[in-house]
Amino acid sequence: MSGDSWHIVWTLLLMAAFIGIVAWAWSRKRQQDFKEAAQLPLEEDDRGAHSTRENGESR
């Protein structure tokens, strides 16, 4: 195989992988997972209001 043939094969493999990932992400089986993930920023935080490094405050 010449160099151009390898480029064609590589491009087709990457395109197939991309299409597979898109199909997996948009499948109906994933819909509930994405709905739950979309609600995460709106949920109440269970951690207390303690000063921690995570929220930028020092003790």
PDB file of N, CA and C in Angstrom:
ATOM      1  N   MET A   1       0.845  -1.183   0.000  1.00  0.00           N
ATOM      2  CA  MET A   1       0.000   0.000   0.000  1.00  0.00           C
ATOM      3  C   MET A   1       0.888   1.243   0.000  1.00  0.00           C
ATOM      4  N   SER A   2       0.454   2.214  -0.752  1.00  0.00           N
ATOM      5  CA  SER A   2       1.209   3.460  -0.780  1.00  0.00           C
ATOM      6  C   SER A   2       0.785   4.346   0.385  1.00  0.00           C
ATOM      7  N   GLY A   3       1.474   5.455   0.542  1.00  0.00           N
ATOM      8  CA  GLY A   3       1.160   6.381   1.624  1.00  0.00           C
ATOM      9  C   GLY A   3      -0.245   6.945   1.520  1.00  0.00           C
ATOM     10  N   ASP A   4      -0.694   7.185   0.292  1.00  0.00           N
ATOM     11  CA  ASP A   4      -2.049   7.723   0.114  1.00  0.00           C
ATOM     12  C   ASP A   4      -3.108   6.715   0.548  1.00  0.00           C
ATOM     13  N   SER A   5      -2.865   5.450   0.319  1.00  0.00           N
ATOM     14  CA  SER A   5      -3.823   4.421   0.712  1.00  0.00           C
ATOM     15  C   SER A   5      -3.970   4.365   2.228  1.00  0.00           C
ATOM     16  N   TRP A   6      -2.854   4.499   2.945  1.00  0.00           N
ATOM     17  CA  TRP A   6      -2.916   4.508   4.408  1.00  0.00           C
ATOM     18  C   TRP A   6      -3.702   5.701   4.917  1.00  0.00           C
ATOM     19  N   HIS A   7      -3.558   6.848   4.269  1.00  0.00           N
ATOM     20  CA  HIS A   7      -4.315   8.032   4.669  1.00  0.00           C
ATOM     21  C   HIS A   7      -5.812   7.818   4.468  1.00  0.00           C
ATOM     22  N   ILE A   8      -6.162   7.167   3.375  1.00  0.00           N
ATOM     23  CA  ILE A   8      -7.577   6.887   3.108  1.00  0.00           C
ATOM     24  C   ILE A   8      -8.130   5.927   4.154  1.00  0.00           C
ATOM     25  N   VAL A   9      -7.403   4.865   4.446  1.00  0.00           N
ATOM     26  CA  VAL A   9      -7.847   3.883   5.446  1.00  0.00           C
ATOM     27  C   VAL A   9      -7.961   4.548   6.810  1.00  0.00           C
ATOM     28  N   TRP A  10      -6.973   5.329   7.195  1.00  0.00           N
ATOM     29  CA  TRP A  10      -6.978   6.005   8.485  1.00  0.00           C
ATOM     30  C   TRP A  10      -8.165   6.967   8.593  1.00  0.00           C
ATOM     31  N   THR A  11      -8.427   7.718   7.526  1.00  0.00           N
ATOM     32  CA  THR A  11      -9.548   8.652   7.511  1.00  0.00           C
ATOM     33  C   THR A  11     -10.871   7.910   7.652  1.00  0.00           C
ATOM     34  N   LEU A  12     -11.027   6.810   6.939  1.00  0.00           N
ATOM     35  CA  LEU A  12     -12.268   6.033   7.027  1.00  0.00           C
ATOM     36  C   LEU A  12     -12.462   5.431   8.417  1.00  0.00           C
ATOM     37  N   LEU A  13     -11.387   4.950   9.039  1.00  0.00           N
ATOM     38  CA  LEU A  13     -11.487   4.405  10.401  1.00  0.00           C
ATOM     39  C   LEU A  13     -11.897   5.484  11.403  1.00  0.00           C
ATOM     40  N   LEU A  14     -11.286   6.650  11.292  1.00  0.00           N
ATOM     41  CA  LEU A  14     -11.643   7.736  12.211  1.00  0.00           C
ATOM     42  C   LEU A  14     -13.073   8.214  11.977  1.00  0.00           C
ATOM     43  N   MET A  15     -13.504   8.257  10.723  1.00  0.00           N
ATOM     44  CA  MET A  15     -14.875   8.663  10.431  1.00  0.00           C
ATOM     45  C   MET A  15     -15.868   7.652  10.996  1.00  0.00           C
ATOM     46  N   ALA A  16     -15.558   6.372  10.864  1.00  0.00           N
ATOM     47  CA  ALA A  16     -16.425   5.331  11.417  1.00  0.00           C
ATOM     48  C   ALA A  16     -16.486   5.428  12.941  1.00  0.00           C
ATOM     49  N   ALA A  17     -15.352   5.702  13.581  1.00  0.00           N
ATOM     50  CA  ALA A  17     -15.335   5.858  15.033  1.00  0.00           C
ATOM     51  C   ALA A  17     -16.168   7.063  15.453  1.00  0.00           C
ATOM     52  N   PHE A  18     -16.045   8.158  14.740  1.00  0.00           N
ATOM     53  CA  PHE A  18     -16.818   9.358  15.060  1.00  0.00           C
ATOM     54  C   PHE A  18     -18.312   9.097  14.915  1.00  0.00           C
ATOM     55  N   ILE A  19     -18.710   8.474  13.817  1.00  0.00           N
ATOM     56  CA  ILE A  19     -20.124   8.175  13.602  1.00  0.00           C
ATOM     57  C   ILE A  19     -20.631   7.213  14.678  1.00  0.00           C
ATOM     58  N   GLY A  20     -19.813   6.251  15.084  1.00  0.00           N
ATOM     59  CA  GLY A  20     -20.203   5.322  16.142  1.00  0.00           C
ATOM     60  C   GLY A  20     -20.408   6.022  17.473  1.00  0.00           C
ATOM     61  N   ILE A  21     -19.529   6.951  17.810  1.00  0.00           N
ATOM     62  CA  ILE A  21     -19.667   7.690  19.064  1.00  0.00           C
ATOM     63  C   ILE A  21     -20.911   8.572  19.037  1.00  0.00           C
ATOM     64  N   VAL A  22     -21.161   9.235  17.925  1.00  0.00           N
ATOM     65  CA  VAL A  22     -22.356  10.077  17.807  1.00  0.00           C
ATOM     66  C   VAL A  22     -23.620   9.227  17.926  1.00  0.00           C
ATOM     67  N   ALA A  23     -23.648   8.074  17.255  1.00  0.00           N
ATOM     68  CA  ALA A  23     -24.810   7.185  17.340  1.00  0.00           C
ATOM     69  C   ALA A  23     -25.014   6.691  18.763  1.00  0.00           C
ATOM     70  N   TRP A  24     -23.930   6.367  19.460  1.00  0.00           N
ATOM     71  CA  TRP A  24     -24.038   5.909  20.851  1.00  0.00           C
ATOM     72  C   TRP A  24     -24.587   7.018  21.749  1.00  0.00           C
ATOM     73  N   ALA A  25     -24.079   8.238  21.561  1.00  0.00           N
ATOM     74  CA  ALA A  25     -24.497   9.356  22.414  1.00  0.00           C
ATOM     75  C   ALA A  25     -25.951   9.736  22.182  1.00  0.00           C
ATOM     76  N   TRP A  26     -26.440   9.598  20.978  1.00  0.00           N
ATOM     77  CA  TRP A  26     -27.812   9.993  20.658  1.00  0.00           C
ATOM     78  C   TRP A  26     -28.796   8.832  20.738  1.00  0.00           C
ATOM     79  N   SER A  27     -28.356   7.658  21.169  1.00  0.00           N
ATOM     80  CA  SER A  27     -29.260   6.511  21.233  1.00  0.00           C
ATOM     81  C   SER A  27     -30.290   6.712  22.340  1.00  0.00           C
ATOM     82  N   ARG A  28     -31.417   6.085  22.178  1.00  0.00           N
ATOM     83  CA  ARG A  28     -32.502   6.215  23.158  1.00  0.00           C
ATOM     84  C   ARG A  28     -32.119   5.640  24.517  1.00  0.00           C
ATOM     85  N   LYS A  29     -31.225   4.667  24.538  1.00  0.00           N
ATOM     86  CA  LYS A  29     -30.799   4.076  25.808  1.00  0.00           C
ATOM     87  C   LYS A  29     -30.070   5.094  26.677  1.00  0.00           C
ATOM     88  N   ARG A  30     -29.440   6.098  26.083  1.00  0.00           N
ATOM     89  CA  ARG A  30     -28.677   7.104  26.822  1.00  0.00           C
ATOM     90  C   ARG A  30     -29.536   8.294  27.235  1.00  0.00           C
ATOM     91  N   GLN A  31     -30.753   8.392  26.724  1.00  0.00           N
ATOM     92  CA  GLN A  31     -31.584   9.569  26.943  1.00  0.00           C
ATOM     93  C   GLN A  31     -31.819   9.854  28.430  1.00  0.00           C
ATOM     94  N   GLN A  32     -32.139   8.851  29.224  1.00  0.00           N
ATOM     95  CA  GLN A  32     -32.390   9.053  30.645  1.00  0.00           C
ATOM     96  C   GLN A  32     -31.128   9.514  31.371  1.00  0.00           C
ATOM     97  N   ASP A  33     -29.981   8.964  31.012  1.00  0.00           N
ATOM     98  CA  ASP A  33     -28.717   9.381  31.629  1.00  0.00           C
ATOM     99  C   ASP A  33     -28.448  10.861  31.367  1.00  0.00           C
ATOM    100  N   PHE A  34     -28.709  11.305  30.139  1.00  0.00           N
ATOM    101  CA  PHE A  34     -28.473  12.710  29.805  1.00  0.00           C
ATOM    102  C   PHE A  34     -29.471  13.629  30.504  1.00  0.00           C
ATOM    103  N   LYS A  35     -30.705  13.181  30.671  1.00  0.00           N
ATOM    104  CA  LYS A  35     -31.688  13.988  31.405  1.00  0.00           C
ATOM    105  C   LYS A  35     -31.253  14.171  32.858  1.00  0.00           C
ATOM    106  N   GLU A  36     -30.760  13.089  33.465  1.00  0.00           N
ATOM    107  CA  GLU A  36     -30.291  13.177  34.851  1.00  0.00           C
ATOM    108  C   GLU A  36     -29.064  14.086  34.951  1.00  0.00           C
ATOM    109  N   ALA A  37     -28.151  13.969  34.009  1.00  0.00           N
ATOM    110  CA  ALA A  37     -26.950  14.805  34.024  1.00  0.00           C
ATOM    111  C   ALA A  37     -27.298  16.277  33.816  1.00  0.00           C
ATOM    112  N   ALA A  38     -28.331  16.550  33.033  1.00  0.00           N
ATOM    113  CA  ALA A  38     -28.739  17.934  32.788  1.00  0.00           C
ATOM    114  C   ALA A  38     -29.307  18.574  34.048  1.00  0.00           C
ATOM    115  N   GLN A  39     -29.833  17.779  34.966  1.00  0.00           N
ATOM    116  CA  GLN A  39     -30.421  18.309  36.190  1.00  0.00           C
ATOM    117  C   GLN A  39     -29.413  18.489  37.321  1.00  0.00           C
ATOM    118  N   LEU A  40     -28.203  17.962  37.174  1.00  0.00           N
ATOM    119  CA  LEU A  40     -27.201  18.042  38.231  1.00  0.00           C
ATOM    120  C   LEU A  40     -26.905  19.475  38.691  1.00  0.00           C
ATOM    121  N   PRO A  41     -26.741  20.446  37.807  1.00  0.00           N
ATOM    122  CA  PRO A  41     -26.453  21.802  38.287  1.00  0.00           C
ATOM    123  C   PRO A  41     -27.607  22.428  39.071  1.00  0.00           C
ATOM    124  N   LEU A  42     -28.809  21.901  38.906  1.00  0.00           N
ATOM    125  CA  LEU A  42     -29.981  22.478  39.563  1.00  0.00           C
ATOM    126  C   LEU A  42     -30.282  21.838  40.912  1.00  0.00           C
ATOM    127  N   GLU A  43     -29.619  20.732  41.217  1.00  0.00           N
ATOM    128  CA  GLU A  43     -29.874  20.044  42.478  1.00  0.00           C
ATOM    129  C   GLU A  43     -29.187  20.768  43.629  1.00  0.00           C
ATOM    130  N   GLU A  44     -29.773  20.619  44.816  1.00  0.00           N
ATOM    131  CA  GLU A  44     -29.189  21.209  46.013  1.00  0.00           C
ATOM    132  C   GLU A  44     -27.914  20.465  46.375  1.00  0.00           C
ATOM    133  N   ASP A  45     -26.979  21.188  46.905  1.00  0.00           N
ATOM    134  CA  ASP A  45     -25.716  20.606  47.332  1.00  0.00           C
ATOM    135  C   ASP A  45     -25.892  20.017  48.723  1.00  0.00           C
ATOM    136  N   ASP A  46     -25.535  18.756  48.917  1.00  0.00           N
ATOM    137  CA  ASP A  46     -25.699  18.092  50.209  1.00  0.00           C
ATOM    138  C   ASP A  46     -24.609  18.460  51.196  1.00  0.00           C
ATOM    139  N   ARG A  47     -23.509  19.036  50.714  1.00  0.00           N
ATOM    140  CA  ARG A  47     -22.430  19.414  51.625  1.00  0.00           C
ATOM    141  C   ARG A  47     -22.855  20.628  52.440  1.00  0.00           C
ATOM    142  N   GLY A  48     -22.284  20.741  53.607  1.00  0.00           N
ATOM    143  CA  GLY A  48     -22.585  21.880  54.454  1.00  0.00           C
ATOM    144  C   GLY A  48     -21.941  23.148  53.930  1.00  0.00           C
ATOM    145  N   ALA A  49     -22.203  24.250  54.601  1.00  0.00           N
ATOM    146  CA  ALA A  49     -21.670  25.548  54.179  1.00  0.00           C
ATOM    147  C   ALA A  49     -20.324  25.807  54.842  1.00  0.00           C
ATOM    148  N   HIS A  50     -19.516  24.777  55.006  1.00  0.00           N
ATOM    149  CA  HIS A  50     -18.207  24.923  55.630  1.00  0.00           C
ATOM    150  C   HIS A  50     -17.244  25.585  54.667  1.00  0.00           C
ATOM    151  N   SER A  51     -16.305  26.289  55.204  1.00  0.00           N
ATOM    152  CA  SER A  51     -15.274  26.908  54.380  1.00  0.00           C
ATOM    153  C   SER A  51     -14.273  25.843  53.959  1.00  0.00           C
ATOM    154  N   THR A  52     -14.104  25.685  52.694  1.00  0.00           N
ATOM    155  CA  THR A  52     -13.155  24.705  52.181  1.00  0.00           C
ATOM    156  C   THR A  52     -12.375  25.318  51.025  1.00  0.00           C
ATOM    157  N   ARG A  53     -11.358  24.616  50.647  1.00  0.00           N
ATOM    158  CA  ARG A  53     -10.584  25.064  49.479  1.00  0.00           C
ATOM    159  C   ARG A  53     -11.420  24.957  48.210  1.00  0.00           C
ATOM    160  N   GLU A  54     -12.386  24.062  48.168  1.00  0.00           N
ATOM    161  CA  GLU A  54     -13.188  23.857  46.972  1.00  0.00           C
ATOM    162  C   GLU A  54     -14.008  25.097  46.613  1.00  0.00           C
ATOM    163  N   ASN A  55     -14.513  25.803  47.625  1.00  0.00           N
ATOM    164  CA  ASN A  55     -15.320  26.978  47.307  1.00  0.00           C
ATOM    165  C   ASN A  55     -14.504  28.266  47.384  1.00  0.00           C
ATOM    166  N   GLY A  56     -13.197  28.158  47.452  1.00  0.00           N
ATOM    167  CA  GLY A  56     -12.325  29.309  47.357  1.00  0.00           C
ATOM    168  C   GLY A  56     -12.059  30.058  48.659  1.00  0.00           C
ATOM    169  N   GLU A  57     -12.581  29.581  49.740  1.00  0.00           N
ATOM    170  CA  GLU A  57     -12.387  30.266  51.015  1.00  0.00           C
ATOM    171  C   GLU A  57     -11.327  29.536  51.829  1.00  0.00           C
ATOM    172  N   SER A  58     -10.617  30.290  52.637  1.00  0.00           N
ATOM    173  CA  SER A  58      -9.632  29.661  53.504  1.00  0.00           C
ATOM    174  C   SER A  58     -10.208  29.531  54.901  1.00  0.00           C
ATOM    175  N   ARG A  59      -9.650  28.625  55.657  1.00  0.00           N
ATOM    176  CA  ARG A  59     -10.170  28.383  57.007  1.00  0.00           C
ATOM    177  C   ARG A  59      -9.595  29.332  58.007  1.00  0.00           C
TER     178      ARG A  59
END
